[in-house]
Amino acid sequence: MFSTTASAQAKLVKAPIQLFGMEGRYAHALYSAASKEKQLDSVEKELAKVKGLLQTDKKFAEFCENPSIKRLYKTEQLTAILTKQNLSKITVNLFAAMAENGRLASVNSVLRAFGQIMAAHRGEVMCTVTTAKPLDAKSAKELETVLRAFLKKDESLLLETRVDPSLIGGMQVSIGDKYIDMSMARKIRTYTKLIKAA
């Protein structure tokens, strides 16, 4: 059910956005499997439950992250643990496939990628704005107004703001599948390269 090979990818239910890398392949396979079974919402809730378990149960998190545990044993144990949690076959199969392939260390990336696909499925556009200093209320409101102009009529904005002092000034904006770096740090790097080249 969770093969991420090229032939299996061709048979997938197409997700509303295209994600790449290992986490993208697992997230797309999960979206396809849950879509076919009409269990997208319930699988999303189950993933939130597992994420909570990873954050609150230290032993469980360490078990998942420990690369020295044999894959077969980890797959069997994980399947038993998640089945006891009354999770669907789809969710259990995802984690079993990740354990079998030695990918459990990347579980948070896969959960994040699936969250992005589900947000797009609901017409929500994820946007992350990183600035050197926290934005004041007026600037945040103006920024949100500008970002909403990029959306289609039936889309809604999910805005997350982050602070990274290493940007020096300006901002980095990631909206949907677009990324814009307008930071002072980027400009300084660009000018430094130009000066060195000259």
Protein backbone atom coordinates (compact mmCIF):
# COMPACT_ATOMS: atom_id res chain seq x y z
CA MET A 1 0.00 0.00 0.00
CA PHE A 2 2.90 2.37 0.67
CA SER A 3 5.31 1.77 -2.17
CA THR A 4 7.06 4.99 -3.17
CA THR A 5 8.52 3.61 -6.41
CA ALA A 6 7.97 5.40 -9.74
CA SER A 7 5.41 2.82 -10.98
CA ALA A 8 3.41 3.11 -7.75
CA GLN A 9 3.63 6.92 -7.92
CA ALA A 10 1.97 6.82 -11.36
CA LYS A 11 -1.16 5.16 -9.85
CA LEU A 12 -1.55 7.68 -7.01
CA VAL A 13 -4.55 9.94 -6.53
CA LYS A 14 -3.14 13.35 -7.46
CA ALA A 15 -2.64 15.68 -4.53
CA PRO A 16 -3.62 19.39 -4.79
CA ILE A 17 0.07 20.40 -4.49
CA GLN A 18 3.25 18.63 -5.52
CA LEU A 19 5.87 18.01 -2.82
CA PHE A 20 9.29 16.52 -3.43
CA GLY A 21 11.93 14.53 -1.59
CA MET A 22 11.46 11.46 0.57
CA GLU A 23 8.88 13.16 2.82
CA GLY A 24 6.90 14.25 -0.26
CA ARG A 25 6.79 10.67 -1.60
CA TYR A 26 5.44 9.28 1.68
CA ALA A 27 2.98 12.15 2.12
CA HIS A 28 1.65 11.68 -1.45
CA ALA A 29 1.33 7.91 -0.97
CA LEU A 30 -0.58 8.50 2.29
CA TYR A 31 -2.84 11.13 0.67
CA SER A 32 -3.60 8.73 -2.19
CA ALA A 33 -4.35 5.76 0.10
CA ALA A 34 -6.56 7.84 2.42
CA SER A 35 -8.37 9.43 -0.57
CA LYS A 36 -9.16 6.05 -2.11
CA GLU A 37 -10.60 4.87 1.23
CA LYS A 38 -12.35 8.24 1.82
CA GLN A 39 -10.53 8.59 5.16
CA LEU A 40 -8.54 11.80 4.69
CA ASP A 41 -9.95 13.62 7.73
CA SER A 42 -9.75 10.62 10.07
CA VAL A 43 -6.16 9.84 8.98
CA GLU A 44 -5.20 13.48 9.59
CA LYS A 45 -6.62 13.22 13.15
CA GLU A 46 -4.77 9.94 13.72
CA LEU A 47 -1.48 11.51 12.62
CA ALA A 48 -2.05 14.32 15.12
CA LYS A 49 -2.55 11.62 17.79
CA VAL A 50 0.75 9.92 16.84
CA LYS A 51 2.52 13.29 16.75
CA GLY A 52 1.24 13.96 20.27
CA LEU A 53 2.47 10.53 21.34
CA LEU A 54 5.94 11.29 19.93
CA GLN A 55 6.02 14.55 21.90
CA THR A 56 4.74 13.22 25.22
CA ASP A 57 6.02 9.62 25.35
CA LYS A 58 9.82 9.83 25.52
CA LYS A 59 10.30 6.04 25.32
CA PHE A 60 8.16 5.81 22.20
CA ALA A 61 10.01 8.71 20.54
CA GLU A 62 13.42 7.18 21.38
CA PHE A 63 12.28 3.79 20.07
CA CYS A 64 11.24 5.38 16.76
CA GLU A 65 14.46 7.38 16.41
CA ASN A 66 16.92 4.65 17.48
CA PRO A 67 18.74 3.45 14.32
CA SER A 68 20.36 0.47 16.11
CA ILE A 69 17.04 -1.40 16.53
CA LYS A 70 16.59 -3.97 13.76
CA ARG A 71 14.06 -2.85 11.17
CA LEU A 72 11.95 -6.02 11.29
CA TYR A 73 11.62 -5.84 15.09
CA LYS A 74 10.84 -2.11 14.94
CA THR A 75 8.18 -2.68 12.26
CA GLU A 76 6.50 -5.46 14.29
CA GLN A 77 6.55 -3.48 17.56
CA LEU A 78 5.34 -0.26 15.95
CA THR A 79 2.50 -2.10 14.20
CA ALA A 80 1.43 -3.62 17.54
CA ILE A 81 1.67 -0.28 19.41
CA LEU A 82 -0.33 1.68 16.81
CA THR A 83 -2.93 -1.08 16.38
CA LYS A 84 -3.50 -0.95 20.17
CA GLN A 85 -4.16 2.79 19.75
CA ASN A 86 -7.10 1.82 17.45
CA LEU A 87 -5.54 3.55 14.44
CA SER A 88 -6.67 2.73 10.92
CA LYS A 89 -4.82 0.26 8.70
CA ILE A 90 -3.73 3.19 6.49
CA THR A 91 -1.97 5.00 9.36
CA VAL A 92 -0.44 1.80 10.75
CA ASN A 93 0.80 0.86 7.25
CA LEU A 94 2.47 4.25 6.81
CA PHE A 95 4.52 3.87 9.98
CA ALA A 96 5.24 0.19 9.25
CA ALA A 97 6.54 1.13 5.78
CA MET A 98 8.69 3.91 7.23
CA ALA A 99 10.10 1.54 9.88
CA GLU A 100 10.76 -1.16 7.27
CA ASN A 101 12.65 1.34 5.08
CA GLY A 102 14.60 2.86 7.98
CA ARG A 103 12.85 6.24 7.58
CA LEU A 104 11.30 6.76 11.02
CA ALA A 105 13.84 9.45 11.91
CA SER A 106 12.09 11.59 9.26
CA VAL A 107 8.59 11.05 10.64
CA ASN A 108 8.10 14.73 11.56
CA SER A 109 9.03 15.85 8.02
CA VAL A 110 6.49 13.39 6.57
CA LEU A 111 3.77 14.57 8.97
CA ARG A 112 4.54 18.20 8.07
CA ALA A 113 4.40 17.39 4.33
CA PHE A 114 1.05 15.61 4.74
CA GLY A 115 -0.22 18.63 6.70
CA GLN A 116 0.74 20.88 3.76
CA ILE A 117 -1.13 18.62 1.32
CA MET A 118 -4.21 18.58 3.57
CA ALA A 119 -4.11 22.37 3.94
CA ALA A 120 -4.04 22.70 0.14
CA HIS A 121 -6.86 20.12 -0.07
CA ARG A 122 -8.98 22.44 2.11
CA GLY A 123 -8.02 25.50 0.04
CA GLU A 124 -5.67 26.82 2.71
CA VAL A 125 -2.40 28.32 1.55
CA MET A 126 0.47 27.97 4.02
CA CYS A 127 2.60 31.07 4.31
CA THR A 128 5.67 31.52 6.49
CA VAL A 129 7.19 34.95 6.91
CA THR A 130 10.56 35.18 8.63
CA THR A 131 11.83 38.58 9.78
CA ALA A 132 14.88 39.74 11.73
CA LYS A 133 12.66 41.30 14.44
CA PRO A 134 9.04 40.59 15.44
CA LEU A 135 6.51 42.50 13.31
CA ASP A 136 4.36 45.10 15.05
CA ALA A 137 0.56 44.74 14.71
CA LYS A 138 0.27 47.36 11.93
CA SER A 139 3.06 45.82 9.79
CA ALA A 140 1.63 42.31 10.31
CA LYS A 141 -1.82 43.48 9.15
CA GLU A 142 -0.37 45.22 6.06
CA LEU A 143 1.68 42.13 5.20
CA GLU A 144 -1.36 39.87 5.53
CA THR A 145 -3.34 42.16 3.18
CA VAL A 146 -0.54 42.02 0.57
CA LEU A 147 -0.22 38.22 0.85
CA ARG A 148 -3.99 37.71 0.46
CA ALA A 149 -3.71 39.36 -2.97
CA PHE A 150 -1.71 36.30 -4.15
CA LEU A 151 -4.57 33.91 -3.33
CA LYS A 152 -7.32 32.62 -5.58
CA LYS A 153 -10.95 33.40 -4.72
CA ASP A 154 -11.65 30.10 -2.89
CA GLU A 155 -8.36 30.01 -0.95
CA SER A 156 -7.65 31.13 2.61
CA LEU A 157 -4.34 32.19 4.14
CA LEU A 158 -2.62 30.33 6.99
CA LEU A 159 0.06 32.76 8.11
CA GLU A 160 2.94 31.83 10.40
CA THR A 161 5.53 34.41 11.43
CA ARG A 162 9.02 33.54 12.62
CA VAL A 163 11.94 35.58 13.87
CA ASP A 164 15.54 34.97 12.77
CA PRO A 165 18.00 37.73 13.80
CA SER A 166 20.60 36.37 11.31
CA LEU A 167 18.52 37.94 8.49
CA ILE A 168 19.73 41.37 9.76
CA GLY A 169 16.75 43.10 8.09
CA GLY A 170 14.07 42.52 5.44
CA MET A 171 12.21 39.21 5.26
CA GLN A 172 11.91 35.77 3.73
CA VAL A 173 8.48 34.74 2.47
CA SER A 174 7.38 31.21 1.67
CA ILE A 175 3.83 31.08 0.26
CA GLY A 176 2.48 27.87 -1.23
CA ASP A 177 5.28 26.60 -3.47
CA LYS A 178 6.89 30.06 -3.91
CA TYR A 179 9.88 31.35 -1.93
CA ILE A 180 11.17 34.94 -1.91
CA ASP A 181 14.27 36.03 -0.02
CA MET A 182 14.26 39.82 0.53
CA SER A 183 16.57 39.72 3.54
CA MET A 184 19.47 42.04 4.18
CA ALA A 185 21.69 38.98 4.76
CA ARG A 186 21.02 37.77 1.17
CA LYS A 187 21.84 41.21 -0.25
CA ILE A 188 25.08 41.33 1.74
CA ARG A 189 26.05 37.85 0.44
CA THR A 190 25.29 38.95 -3.13
CA TYR A 191 27.35 42.14 -2.83
CA THR A 192 30.21 40.26 -1.15
CA LYS A 193 30.34 37.81 -4.08
CA LEU A 194 30.32 40.72 -6.57
CA ILE A 195 33.15 42.50 -4.74
CA LYS A 196 35.21 39.28 -4.56
CA ALA A 197 34.61 38.59 -8.26
CA ALA A 198 35.76 42.12 -9.13
